[in-house]
Amino acid sequence: MKLNSKGQVTIPAALRHKHHLHEGDEVEVIEDDGALRIVRVERSETRGQRWVREHRGSATSGMSTDELMALLRGE
């Protein structure tokens, strides 16, 4: 791996998959006994939580609540 001009590195896909790292996950770089470690920030949202937050309120059907309920109930 090479460090780019912004100080960034790319974690190889196989390692991201193995350690369940996804786009948007928060990680920290920690110095540990002279070595650097990349660790996930546990308090960060999961990918599913981010998806829900980003999409909340975006569904529109043009139907009223009563119309949707009638449709779902088969009325």
Foldseek 3Di string as FASTA:
>chain_A
DDQDPVRDDDDDPVVCVVVVNDPPFDWDWDQDPNDTDIGTDVVDDHPVVVVCVVCPPVDDDPDDPVVVVCVVVVD
